[in-house]
Protein backbone atom coordinates (compact mmCIF):
# COMPACT_ATOMS: atom_id res chain seq x y z
CA MET A 1 4.79 -20.23 -19.95
CA MET A 2 4.74 -16.28 -18.99
CA THR A 3 3.97 -15.43 -16.26
CA LYS A 4 0.98 -13.40 -15.82
CA VAL A 5 -0.60 -11.50 -12.66
CA LEU A 6 -3.78 -9.84 -11.59
CA ILE A 7 -2.91 -6.39 -10.01
CA THR A 8 -6.71 -5.53 -8.30
CA GLY A 9 -6.89 -1.61 -7.98
CA GLY A 10 -3.88 -1.51 -10.68
CA CYS A 11 -3.83 2.59 -11.57
CA GLY A 12 -3.76 3.46 -8.08
CA PHE A 13 -0.74 4.86 -6.13
CA ILE A 14 0.55 1.53 -4.69
CA GLY A 15 -0.73 -0.08 -7.96
CA SER A 16 0.93 2.04 -10.71
CA ASN A 17 4.15 1.82 -9.05
CA LEU A 18 4.15 -2.41 -8.88
CA VAL A 19 2.99 -2.16 -12.39
CA GLU A 20 5.99 -0.34 -13.08
CA PHE A 21 8.26 -2.21 -10.80
CA LEU A 22 7.27 -5.19 -13.02
CA LEU A 23 7.48 -4.09 -16.06
CA GLN A 24 11.22 -3.33 -14.95
CA ASN A 25 12.24 -6.08 -13.26
CA THR A 26 10.51 -9.05 -14.79
CA ASP A 27 9.21 -10.36 -18.27
CA TRP A 28 5.48 -11.19 -16.57
CA GLN A 29 2.21 -10.15 -18.49
CA ILE A 30 0.24 -8.14 -16.47
CA ASN A 31 -3.52 -7.94 -15.78
CA ILE A 32 -4.98 -4.96 -14.29
CA LEU A 33 -8.32 -4.83 -12.50
CA ASP A 34 -9.26 -1.09 -11.52
CA ASN A 35 -12.82 0.75 -11.38
CA LEU A 36 -11.07 3.98 -11.68
CA SER A 37 -12.78 5.25 -9.52
CA ASP A 38 -10.33 7.40 -7.48
CA SER A 39 -7.38 7.14 -9.96
CA THR A 40 -6.84 7.19 -13.32
CA LEU A 41 -5.64 5.23 -16.23
CA GLU A 42 -2.95 8.00 -17.21
CA ASP A 43 -0.10 6.76 -14.45
CA VAL A 44 -0.05 2.82 -16.31
CA GLN A 45 -0.37 4.07 -19.73
CA ASN A 46 2.63 6.12 -19.99
CA LEU A 47 4.61 3.64 -19.00
CA GLU A 48 6.93 1.87 -21.37
CA GLY A 49 5.66 -1.57 -22.25
CA PHE A 50 1.90 -0.59 -21.50
CA THR A 51 0.95 -1.49 -25.03
CA GLU A 52 3.11 -4.98 -25.72
CA ARG A 53 2.43 -6.42 -21.57
CA ILE A 54 -0.58 -4.77 -20.09
CA THR A 55 -4.53 -5.56 -20.55
CA PHE A 56 -6.93 -3.18 -18.54
CA PHE A 57 -10.06 -4.00 -17.31
CA ASN A 58 -12.12 -1.62 -16.38
CA GLY A 59 -14.27 -3.23 -13.34
CA ASP A 60 -15.27 -3.64 -9.85
CA ILE A 61 -13.62 -6.52 -7.33
CA ARG A 62 -17.01 -7.16 -5.55
CA ASN A 63 -18.44 -8.02 -9.25
CA LYS A 64 -17.74 -11.85 -9.98
CA GLU A 65 -17.92 -11.34 -14.02
CA ASP A 66 -15.17 -8.61 -13.45
CA VAL A 67 -12.77 -10.39 -11.53
CA LEU A 68 -13.23 -14.07 -13.41
CA LYS A 69 -12.71 -12.00 -16.60
CA ALA A 70 -9.45 -10.57 -15.33
CA VAL A 71 -7.90 -13.33 -13.53
CA ASP A 72 -8.65 -15.68 -16.64
CA GLY A 73 -4.65 -17.24 -17.21
CA CYS A 74 -3.31 -15.44 -14.18
CA ASP A 75 -0.57 -17.31 -12.15
CA TYR A 76 -0.75 -14.84 -9.40
CA VAL A 77 -2.89 -12.26 -8.22
CA VAL A 78 -2.22 -9.06 -5.82
CA ASN A 79 -5.24 -7.10 -4.53
CA LEU A 80 -4.51 -3.97 -3.94
CA ALA A 81 -8.48 -2.53 -4.61
CA ALA A 82 -9.74 -1.19 -1.13
CA GLN A 83 -11.79 1.37 0.72
CA VAL A 84 -8.31 3.29 2.14
CA GLY A 85 -9.71 5.83 4.65
CA VAL A 86 -10.07 5.63 7.85
CA ILE A 87 -12.50 8.66 8.01
CA PRO A 88 -14.23 7.43 4.94
CA SER A 89 -14.86 4.19 7.43
CA VAL A 90 -15.92 5.81 9.94
CA GLU A 91 -18.89 7.67 7.80
CA ASN A 92 -19.85 4.57 5.96
CA PRO A 93 -18.84 1.36 7.46
CA LEU A 94 -20.88 -0.71 5.33
CA LEU A 95 -19.77 0.77 2.20
CA ASP A 96 -16.01 -0.10 3.80
CA ALA A 97 -16.85 -3.84 4.93
CA ASP A 98 -18.58 -4.34 0.98
CA ILE A 99 -15.50 -3.29 -0.65
CA ASN A 100 -12.67 -4.68 1.53
CA ILE A 101 -14.28 -7.95 2.75
CA ASN A 102 -17.13 -8.85 0.20
CA GLY A 103 -14.44 -7.34 -2.49
CA LEU A 104 -11.52 -9.87 -1.84
CA ILE A 105 -13.59 -12.94 -1.02
CA THR A 106 -15.28 -12.33 -4.45
CA VAL A 107 -11.19 -12.04 -5.60
CA LEU A 108 -10.11 -15.09 -3.77
CA THR A 109 -13.97 -17.36 -4.79
CA ALA A 110 -12.26 -16.27 -8.34
CA CYS A 111 -8.73 -17.36 -6.66
CA VAL A 112 -9.68 -21.35 -6.41
CA GLU A 113 -12.13 -21.21 -9.47
CA LYS A 114 -8.98 -19.93 -11.75
CA LYS A 115 -6.78 -22.07 -9.50
CA ILE A 116 -4.14 -19.27 -8.91
CA LYS A 117 -0.48 -20.28 -7.25
CA LYS A 118 -0.51 -17.49 -4.95
CA ALA A 119 -2.75 -14.53 -4.04
CA ILE A 120 -1.37 -11.46 -1.70
CA HIS A 121 -3.42 -8.90 0.24
CA ALA A 122 -2.76 -5.51 0.97
CA SER A 123 -3.35 -5.10 4.63
CA SER A 124 -1.75 -2.45 7.15
CA ALA A 125 -1.30 -1.53 11.14
CA ALA A 126 -4.87 -0.78 11.11
CA PRO A 127 -5.40 -3.86 12.38
CA LEU A 128 -3.53 -3.25 15.44
CA GLY A 129 -4.96 -0.37 16.45
CA ASP A 130 -2.55 1.60 19.71
CA GLN A 131 -0.04 -1.11 20.65
CA GLU A 132 3.10 -0.62 22.07
CA MET A 133 5.87 -0.49 19.98
CA PRO A 134 7.19 -2.08 18.19
CA MET A 135 4.32 -3.41 16.08
CA HIS A 136 4.68 -7.43 14.78
CA GLU A 137 2.94 -9.99 13.69
CA LYS A 138 1.79 -11.68 17.05
CA LYS A 139 0.60 -8.72 18.44
CA VAL A 140 -3.20 -9.10 19.40
CA PRO A 141 -5.39 -6.85 16.85
CA GLN A 142 -7.58 -3.99 18.55
CA PRO A 143 -9.09 -2.05 15.30
CA LEU A 144 -10.08 1.65 15.92
CA SER A 145 -12.18 1.59 13.32
CA PRO A 146 -14.28 -0.20 10.60
CA TYR A 147 -11.09 0.23 8.30
CA GLY A 148 -9.41 -1.26 10.81
CA ALA A 149 -12.04 -4.16 11.48
CA SER A 150 -12.36 -4.68 7.56
CA LYS A 151 -8.86 -4.72 6.50
CA LEU A 152 -8.45 -7.46 9.85
CA ALA A 153 -11.31 -9.40 8.17
CA GLY A 154 -9.33 -9.11 5.04
CA GLU A 155 -6.19 -11.21 6.90
CA ALA A 156 -8.84 -13.50 8.67
CA TYR A 157 -10.37 -14.74 4.95
CA CYS A 158 -7.20 -15.05 3.74
CA SER A 159 -6.49 -17.72 6.34
CA ALA A 160 -9.74 -19.30 6.29
CA PHE A 161 -9.07 -19.71 2.47
CA ALA A 162 -5.77 -21.29 2.59
CA ALA A 163 -7.29 -23.43 4.89
CA SER A 164 -10.35 -24.66 3.46
CA TYR A 165 -9.34 -24.24 -0.30
CA GLY A 166 -5.50 -25.04 -0.48
CA ILE A 167 -5.01 -21.58 -1.91
CA ASN A 168 -1.36 -19.81 -1.33
CA THR A 169 -2.47 -16.64 0.19
CA VAL A 170 -0.25 -14.29 2.05
CA ALA A 171 -1.25 -10.72 4.07
CA LEU A 172 0.85 -8.06 3.89
CA ARG A 173 0.84 -5.15 6.09
CA PHE A 174 2.17 -2.03 4.84
CA SER A 175 3.58 0.63 7.39
CA ASN A 176 3.48 4.46 5.60
CA VAL A 177 4.18 3.81 2.39
CA TYR A 178 4.56 7.48 0.41
CA GLY A 179 6.37 7.99 -3.29
CA PRO A 180 6.04 9.20 -6.37
CA LYS A 181 2.11 9.10 -8.35
CA SER A 182 0.68 9.77 -4.83
CA TYR A 183 -1.12 13.22 -5.59
CA GLN A 184 -4.24 11.70 -4.89
CA LYS A 185 -3.48 10.64 -1.47
CA GLY A 186 -4.20 12.49 1.83
CA SER A 187 -1.56 11.45 3.50
CA VAL A 188 1.02 13.36 5.33
CA ILE A 189 4.20 13.75 2.61
CA PRO A 190 2.16 14.30 0.14
CA LEU A 191 0.03 17.25 1.40
CA PHE A 192 2.92 18.44 2.98
CA ILE A 193 4.00 18.27 -0.42
CA ARG A 194 1.31 20.12 -1.55
CA GLN A 195 1.24 22.85 0.93
CA ILE A 196 4.30 23.86 0.42
CA LEU A 197 3.84 23.75 -3.66
CA ASN A 198 1.16 26.00 -2.86
CA GLY A 199 3.09 28.73 -0.77
CA GLU A 200 1.04 27.26 2.41
CA THR A 201 2.17 26.93 5.39
CA CYS A 202 2.42 22.78 7.10
CA THR A 203 0.94 22.24 9.82
CA ILE A 204 2.31 19.90 12.48
CA PHE A 205 -0.15 18.54 15.03
CA GLY A 206 0.99 17.96 18.44
CA ASP A 207 4.61 18.64 19.56
CA GLY A 208 5.55 16.78 16.31
CA LYS A 209 7.32 14.20 18.23
CA GLN A 210 5.17 11.38 17.18
CA THR A 211 6.38 9.03 15.07
CA ARG A 212 5.70 6.98 11.73
CA ASP A 213 7.51 3.98 10.09
CA LEU A 214 7.80 5.90 6.62
CA LEU A 215 8.10 2.68 3.75
CA TYR A 216 9.63 4.01 0.30
CA VAL A 217 6.50 2.96 -2.64
CA THR A 218 9.49 0.89 -4.44
CA ASP A 219 10.32 -1.05 -1.05
CA VAL A 220 6.65 -2.64 -0.80
CA CYS A 221 7.12 -3.50 -4.36
CA ASN A 222 10.35 -5.33 -3.95
CA GLY A 223 8.27 -6.79 -1.09
CA ILE A 224 5.35 -8.02 -3.01
CA TYR A 225 7.44 -9.24 -5.64
CA LEU A 226 9.24 -11.33 -3.07
CA ALA A 227 5.81 -12.50 -1.46
CA LEU A 228 4.55 -13.74 -4.85
CA THR A 229 8.30 -15.51 -5.72
CA THR A 230 9.12 -17.35 -2.34
CA ASP A 231 8.39 -20.55 -1.41
CA LEU A 232 7.22 -20.48 1.90
CA LYS A 233 6.12 -24.00 3.67
CA ASN A 234 3.09 -22.08 5.46
CA LYS A 235 -0.45 -21.81 2.96
CA PHE A 236 -0.89 -18.90 4.93
CA GLU A 237 1.35 -16.03 5.95
CA LEU A 238 0.91 -13.00 7.80
CA ILE A 239 3.93 -10.51 7.07
CA GLN A 240 4.96 -6.85 8.26
CA LEU A 241 5.91 -4.66 5.61
CA ALA A 242 8.11 -1.62 6.96
CA THR A 243 11.59 -0.06 7.70
CA GLY A 244 11.53 -1.01 10.73
CA LYS A 245 12.99 2.64 11.59
CA GLU A 246 10.65 5.63 13.30
CA THR A 247 10.80 8.75 12.15
CA SER A 248 9.23 11.84 14.12
CA MET A 249 7.20 14.40 12.12
CA ASN A 250 9.47 16.92 13.03
CA GLU A 251 12.41 14.99 11.33
CA LEU A 252 10.28 14.53 8.25
CA PHE A 253 9.56 18.31 7.79
CA ALA A 254 13.27 19.12 7.95
CA VAL A 255 14.15 16.24 5.84
CA MET A 256 11.11 18.34 3.27
CA LYS A 257 12.00 21.40 3.94
CA GLN A 258 16.37 20.99 3.10
CA GLU A 259 15.08 19.09 -0.33
CA PHE A 260 12.59 22.03 -1.31
CA GLU A 261 15.23 24.29 -0.86
CA LYS A 262 17.54 22.26 -2.80
CA HIS A 263 15.37 23.07 -5.55
CA GLY A 264 15.60 27.00 -4.77
CA LYS A 265 11.97 26.53 -2.73
CA SER A 266 12.15 29.08 0.21
CA VAL A 267 10.39 27.14 2.70
CA ALA A 268 7.72 28.96 5.83
CA ASP A 269 8.33 26.89 9.01
CA ALA A 270 5.55 24.38 10.09
CA LYS A 271 3.25 25.77 12.65
CA TYR A 272 1.89 23.44 15.36
CA ALA A 273 -1.98 22.92 16.60
CA SER A 274 -3.06 21.37 19.37
CA ALA A 275 -2.94 17.31 18.67
CA ARG A 276 -5.64 15.47 17.32
CA PRO A 277 -8.04 12.89 19.22
CA GLY A 278 -7.23 9.66 18.97
CA GLU A 279 -4.14 9.76 16.89
CA ILE A 280 -1.34 7.26 17.44
CA ILE A 281 1.93 8.76 19.11
CA ARG A 282 4.41 5.96 18.01
CA ASN A 283 4.66 3.66 15.32
CA TYR A 284 7.09 1.61 14.51
CA ALA A 285 7.56 -2.36 13.11
CA ASP A 286 9.76 -5.05 13.88
CA ILE A 287 10.63 -6.61 10.22
CA THR A 288 12.49 -9.91 11.62
CA LYS A 289 9.63 -12.33 9.72
CA ALA A 290 9.93 -10.58 6.44
CA LYS A 291 13.90 -10.30 6.76
CA THR A 292 13.22 -14.02 7.80
CA LEU A 293 10.87 -15.35 5.33
CA LEU A 294 11.35 -13.24 2.03
CA ASN A 295 14.97 -11.95 2.51
CA TYR A 296 13.70 -8.48 2.55
CA VAL A 297 15.41 -5.40 3.29
CA PRO A 298 14.44 -1.95 2.39
CA GLN A 299 16.54 -0.29 -0.03
CA VAL A 300 15.43 3.34 0.02
CA ASP A 301 16.60 5.76 3.38
CA LEU A 302 14.03 8.57 3.86
CA LYS A 303 16.40 11.07 2.65
CA GLN A 304 17.00 9.67 -1.07
CA GLY A 305 13.11 8.36 -0.76
CA ILE A 306 11.42 12.20 0.16
CA ALA A 307 14.03 13.26 -2.75
CA ASN A 308 12.06 11.03 -5.19
CA THR A 309 9.29 11.84 -4.36
CA ILE A 310 9.40 15.86 -4.28
CA SER A 311 11.39 15.32 -7.69
CA TRP A 312 8.39 13.41 -9.04
CA PHE A 313 5.82 16.10 -7.80
CA LEU A 314 7.92 19.03 -9.46
CA SER A 315 7.98 17.50 -12.87
CA HIS A 316 4.04 16.76 -12.65
CA LYS A 317 2.62 20.05 -11.22
């Protein structure tokens, strides 16, 4: 029997990269459920193997009928559909909870009904809030935003469904993910790239020494694949996916400037503005658990990842 996976949010940034990764590295059939609220079908339609191996369902994870239709006949589910912004969650916490909590419950309920082998849920570092570094799975969560709270609730529901209904679930906490197909994202790397391409000056807030754990998107996709296919002894696992390295904003900008200059594009020095209130100063993760349970090792370093990302943006201007 052919393995079949449902990817919710499969047209988004991580979703479309995961679809491409699975087309290249497996022979699986892929169902995509996406309401195209902030993505287009274009990124997956252009992939080799789209017509033979992908079935697209236009629908919403909050709608039970949509989810049941899309999950039918699947072995695995990867739930990437979400409201992903901190700021929108502060502006509309009810909508954030509706998508990230009710949507997930709808997906997990369908997984139980259709006897799915394993469900993977995308989480982030947001449930943890501002902590002493490094981040790891044993830290006590203290979310600072409704988004962090809804992602924490998502992890809790994965655990609860594993215990209550016997379904295998894994919640993966992604660090700061970047890479090709991220043109709709407001995070620092695509933002800097857009500013540089438009001839604008990039702004670094504070002294630029604040750090992030920057994870290239194919390493995330590989982590998701390993979480799906590795036999884990617990019904529920919470696992951090990251590089375990911290990169300062100054370092990041220097790498990007250097890479753009290789393409013959001159880049103005960044300007500095006052630090933003509530910004986390240091952020990186301990990935011992991912290494131990999944044999997970990130493959793409920052220079290579930035080079790939910039090349993608330049060829999709």
